[in-house]
N, C-alpha and C. Protein backbone atom coordinates (compact mmCIF):
# COMPACT_ATOMS: atom_id res chain seq x y z
N MET A 1 -11.55 -15.13 -3.03
CA MET A 1 -10.78 -14.00 -2.26
C MET A 1 -10.84 -12.53 -3.13
N THR A 2 -11.24 -11.60 -2.52
CA THR A 2 -11.42 -10.41 -2.85
C THR A 2 -9.91 -9.54 -3.00
N LYS A 3 -10.38 -8.61 -3.56
CA LYS A 3 -8.84 -7.86 -3.84
C LYS A 3 -8.15 -7.17 -2.64
N ILE A 4 -9.23 -7.01 -1.56
CA ILE A 4 -8.47 -6.57 -0.27
C ILE A 4 -7.58 -7.75 0.67
N GLU A 5 -8.62 -8.92 0.50
CA GLU A 5 -7.71 -10.18 1.15
C GLU A 5 -6.35 -10.44 0.46
N LYS A 6 -6.47 -10.04 -0.87
CA LYS A 6 -5.01 -10.31 -1.70
C LYS A 6 -4.06 -9.45 -1.03
N PHE A 7 -4.52 -8.16 -1.00
CA PHE A 7 -3.51 -6.85 -0.17
C PHE A 7 -3.14 -7.60 0.83
N GLU A 8 -3.95 -7.86 1.97
CA GLU A 8 -3.89 -8.33 3.30
C GLU A 8 -2.81 -9.58 2.98
N ALA A 9 -3.01 -10.52 2.07
CA ALA A 9 -2.13 -11.61 2.07
C ALA A 9 -0.70 -11.24 1.80
N ILE A 10 -0.58 -10.18 0.73
CA ILE A 10 0.76 -9.86 0.49
C ILE A 10 1.61 -9.10 1.63
N VAL A 11 0.98 -8.29 2.58
CA VAL A 11 1.37 -7.73 3.72
C VAL A 11 1.84 -8.73 5.00
N LYS A 12 1.04 -9.73 4.68
CA LYS A 12 1.12 -10.91 5.79
C LYS A 12 2.39 -11.55 5.55
N ARG A 13 2.27 -12.03 4.43
CA ARG A 13 3.58 -12.82 3.89
C ARG A 13 4.96 -12.25 3.23
N GLY A 14 4.62 -10.98 3.24
CA GLY A 14 5.67 -9.98 3.00
C GLY A 14 6.46 -10.43 1.42
N GLN A 15 5.45 -10.82 0.74
CA GLN A 15 5.80 -11.20 -0.66
C GLN A 15 4.81 -10.27 -1.67
N ASN A 16 5.73 -10.15 -2.79
CA ASN A 16 4.60 -9.58 -3.80
C ASN A 16 3.96 -10.64 -4.45
N ASN A 17 2.93 -10.18 -5.52
CA ASN A 17 1.94 -10.86 -5.76
C ASN A 17 1.34 -10.23 -6.78
N LYS A 18 0.51 -10.97 -7.62
CA LYS A 18 -0.17 -10.56 -8.76
C LYS A 18 -1.78 -10.20 -8.05
N ILE A 19 -2.24 -8.98 -8.41
CA ILE A 19 -3.83 -9.19 -8.01
C ILE A 19 -4.42 -8.21 -9.50
N ASP A 20 -5.48 -9.12 -10.07
CA ASP A 20 -6.11 -8.64 -11.42
C ASP A 20 -4.81 -8.48 -12.23
N GLY A 21 -3.70 -9.30 -12.38
CA GLY A 21 -2.97 -9.17 -13.45
C GLY A 21 -1.87 -8.21 -13.27
N VAL A 22 -2.08 -7.31 -12.32
CA VAL A 22 -1.09 -6.32 -11.93
C VAL A 22 -0.23 -6.95 -10.76
N ARG A 23 1.44 -6.94 -10.92
CA ARG A 23 1.95 -6.99 -9.77
C ARG A 23 1.95 -5.92 -8.62
N VAL A 24 1.68 -6.53 -7.37
CA VAL A 24 1.71 -5.53 -6.20
C VAL A 24 2.79 -5.71 -5.56
N ASP A 25 3.58 -4.81 -5.11
CA ASP A 25 4.79 -5.52 -4.16
C ASP A 25 4.47 -4.90 -2.62
N LEU A 26 5.16 -5.22 -1.41
CA LEU A 26 4.99 -5.49 -0.14
C LEU A 26 4.44 -3.94 -0.09
N PHE A 27 5.35 -3.00 0.03
CA PHE A 27 5.45 -1.40 -0.05
C PHE A 27 3.97 -0.60 -0.23
N SER A 28 3.46 -1.39 -1.68
CA SER A 28 2.28 -0.74 -2.14
C SER A 28 1.03 -1.34 -1.57
N ALA A 29 1.33 -2.45 -1.30
CA ALA A 29 -0.03 -3.24 -0.52
C ALA A 29 -0.07 -2.55 0.96
N GLY A 30 0.80 -2.40 1.50
CA GLY A 30 0.73 -1.86 2.93
C GLY A 30 0.33 -0.32 2.69
N ALA A 31 0.43 0.42 1.84
CA ALA A 31 -0.01 1.62 1.60
C ALA A 31 -1.34 1.67 1.50
N VAL A 32 -2.17 0.49 0.52
CA VAL A 32 -3.34 0.23 0.31
C VAL A 32 -3.76 0.10 1.63
N MET A 33 -3.62 -0.94 2.25
CA MET A 33 -4.26 -1.47 3.50
C MET A 33 -4.50 -0.34 4.49
N ALA A 34 -3.30 0.63 4.77
CA ALA A 34 -3.36 1.57 5.48
C ALA A 34 -4.49 2.46 5.19
N VAL A 35 -4.71 2.57 3.76
CA VAL A 35 -5.87 3.62 3.61
C VAL A 35 -7.24 2.85 3.94
N TYR A 36 -7.43 2.09 3.39
CA TYR A 36 -8.49 0.98 3.39
C TYR A 36 -8.93 0.97 5.03
N ASN A 37 -8.33 0.77 5.80
CA ASN A 37 -8.52 0.60 7.16
C ASN A 37 -9.11 2.16 7.82
N ALA A 38 -8.61 3.05 7.23
CA ALA A 38 -8.62 4.53 7.60
C ALA A 38 -10.33 4.81 7.19
N LEU A 39 -10.64 3.99 6.07
CA LEU A 39 -11.90 4.71 5.49
C LEU A 39 -13.35 4.08 6.10
N SER A 40 -14.08 4.83 5.97
CA SER A 40 -15.49 4.41 6.30
C SER A 40 -15.95 3.48 5.85
N PRO A 41 -17.11 2.72 6.24
CA PRO A 41 -17.60 1.36 5.46
C PRO A 41 -17.98 1.79 3.99
N GLU A 42 -18.94 2.68 3.96
CA GLU A 42 -19.22 3.13 2.34
C GLU A 42 -18.35 3.66 1.54
N ASN A 43 -17.09 4.19 2.24
CA ASN A 43 -16.07 4.92 1.14
C ASN A 43 -15.29 3.23 1.20
N ARG A 44 -15.09 2.54 1.76
CA ARG A 44 -14.29 1.27 1.64
C ARG A 44 -15.04 0.39 0.41
N ALA A 45 -16.28 0.14 0.21
CA ALA A 45 -16.75 -0.16 -0.97
C ALA A 45 -16.33 0.40 -2.22
N LYS A 46 -16.45 1.62 -2.08
CA LYS A 46 -16.01 2.26 -3.23
C LYS A 46 -14.70 2.35 -3.80
N TYR A 47 -13.72 2.35 -2.65
CA TYR A 47 -12.24 2.01 -2.75
C TYR A 47 -12.01 0.68 -3.33
N GLU A 48 -12.72 -0.37 -2.95
CA GLU A 48 -12.59 -1.58 -3.38
C GLU A 48 -12.87 -1.89 -4.57
N ALA A 49 -13.32 -1.07 -5.06
CA ALA A 49 -14.31 -1.35 -6.54
C ALA A 49 -13.25 -0.62 -7.79
N MET A 50 -12.35 0.19 -7.27
CA MET A 50 -11.44 0.84 -8.34
C MET A 50 -10.49 -0.28 -8.80
N PRO A 51 -9.84 -0.11 -9.97
CA PRO A 51 -9.01 -0.88 -10.44
C PRO A 51 -7.35 -0.93 -9.70
N VAL A 52 -7.10 -1.90 -9.76
CA VAL A 52 -5.74 -2.27 -8.66
C VAL A 52 -4.81 -1.07 -8.87
N PRO A 53 -4.15 -0.41 -10.08
CA PRO A 53 -3.34 0.94 -10.15
C PRO A 53 -3.78 2.10 -9.83
N LYS A 54 -5.16 1.83 -9.58
CA LYS A 54 -5.79 3.48 -9.13
C LYS A 54 -5.66 3.43 -7.76
N MET A 55 -6.13 2.19 -7.24
CA MET A 55 -6.01 2.07 -5.47
C MET A 55 -4.73 2.38 -5.10
N VAL A 56 -3.55 2.14 -5.72
CA VAL A 56 -2.30 2.40 -5.23
C VAL A 56 -2.02 3.71 -5.50
N VAL A 57 -2.35 4.28 -6.67
CA VAL A 57 -1.93 5.68 -6.80
C VAL A 57 -2.61 6.51 -5.79
N LEU A 58 -3.90 6.34 -5.36
CA LEU A 58 -4.63 7.14 -4.57
C LEU A 58 -4.30 6.67 -3.30
N ALA A 59 -3.46 5.57 -2.56
CA ALA A 59 -3.41 5.37 -1.37
C ALA A 59 -2.08 6.53 -1.25
N PHE A 60 -1.25 6.33 -2.24
CA PHE A 60 0.20 7.12 -2.26
C PHE A 60 -0.24 8.42 -1.66
N LYS A 61 -1.09 9.11 -2.96
CA LYS A 61 -1.54 10.35 -2.52
C LYS A 61 -2.15 10.95 -1.38
N LEU A 62 -2.90 10.05 -0.86
CA LEU A 62 -3.50 10.11 0.39
C LEU A 62 -2.33 10.06 1.67
N LEU A 63 -1.45 9.09 1.37
CA LEU A 63 -0.41 8.93 2.65
C LEU A 63 0.52 10.15 2.43
N LYS A 64 0.65 10.79 1.43
CA LYS A 64 1.59 11.91 1.05
C LYS A 64 0.95 12.96 2.21
N LYS A 65 -0.15 13.32 2.02
CA LYS A 65 -0.60 14.28 2.98
C LYS A 65 -0.71 14.22 4.51
């Protein structure tokens, strides 16, 4: 299961869970998925390669704009 699939599962179930040892809540998972779905295919690969905390921080920065 990829990181993105784990984020999708959190959004789908509405429950927090650990991804790569980092606890991720529903709100953060939703932000990550919103950014991921808006990215181009080449940028999606770069985004998914980031560590989980960096993905979440970047998602909130991008959604803030």
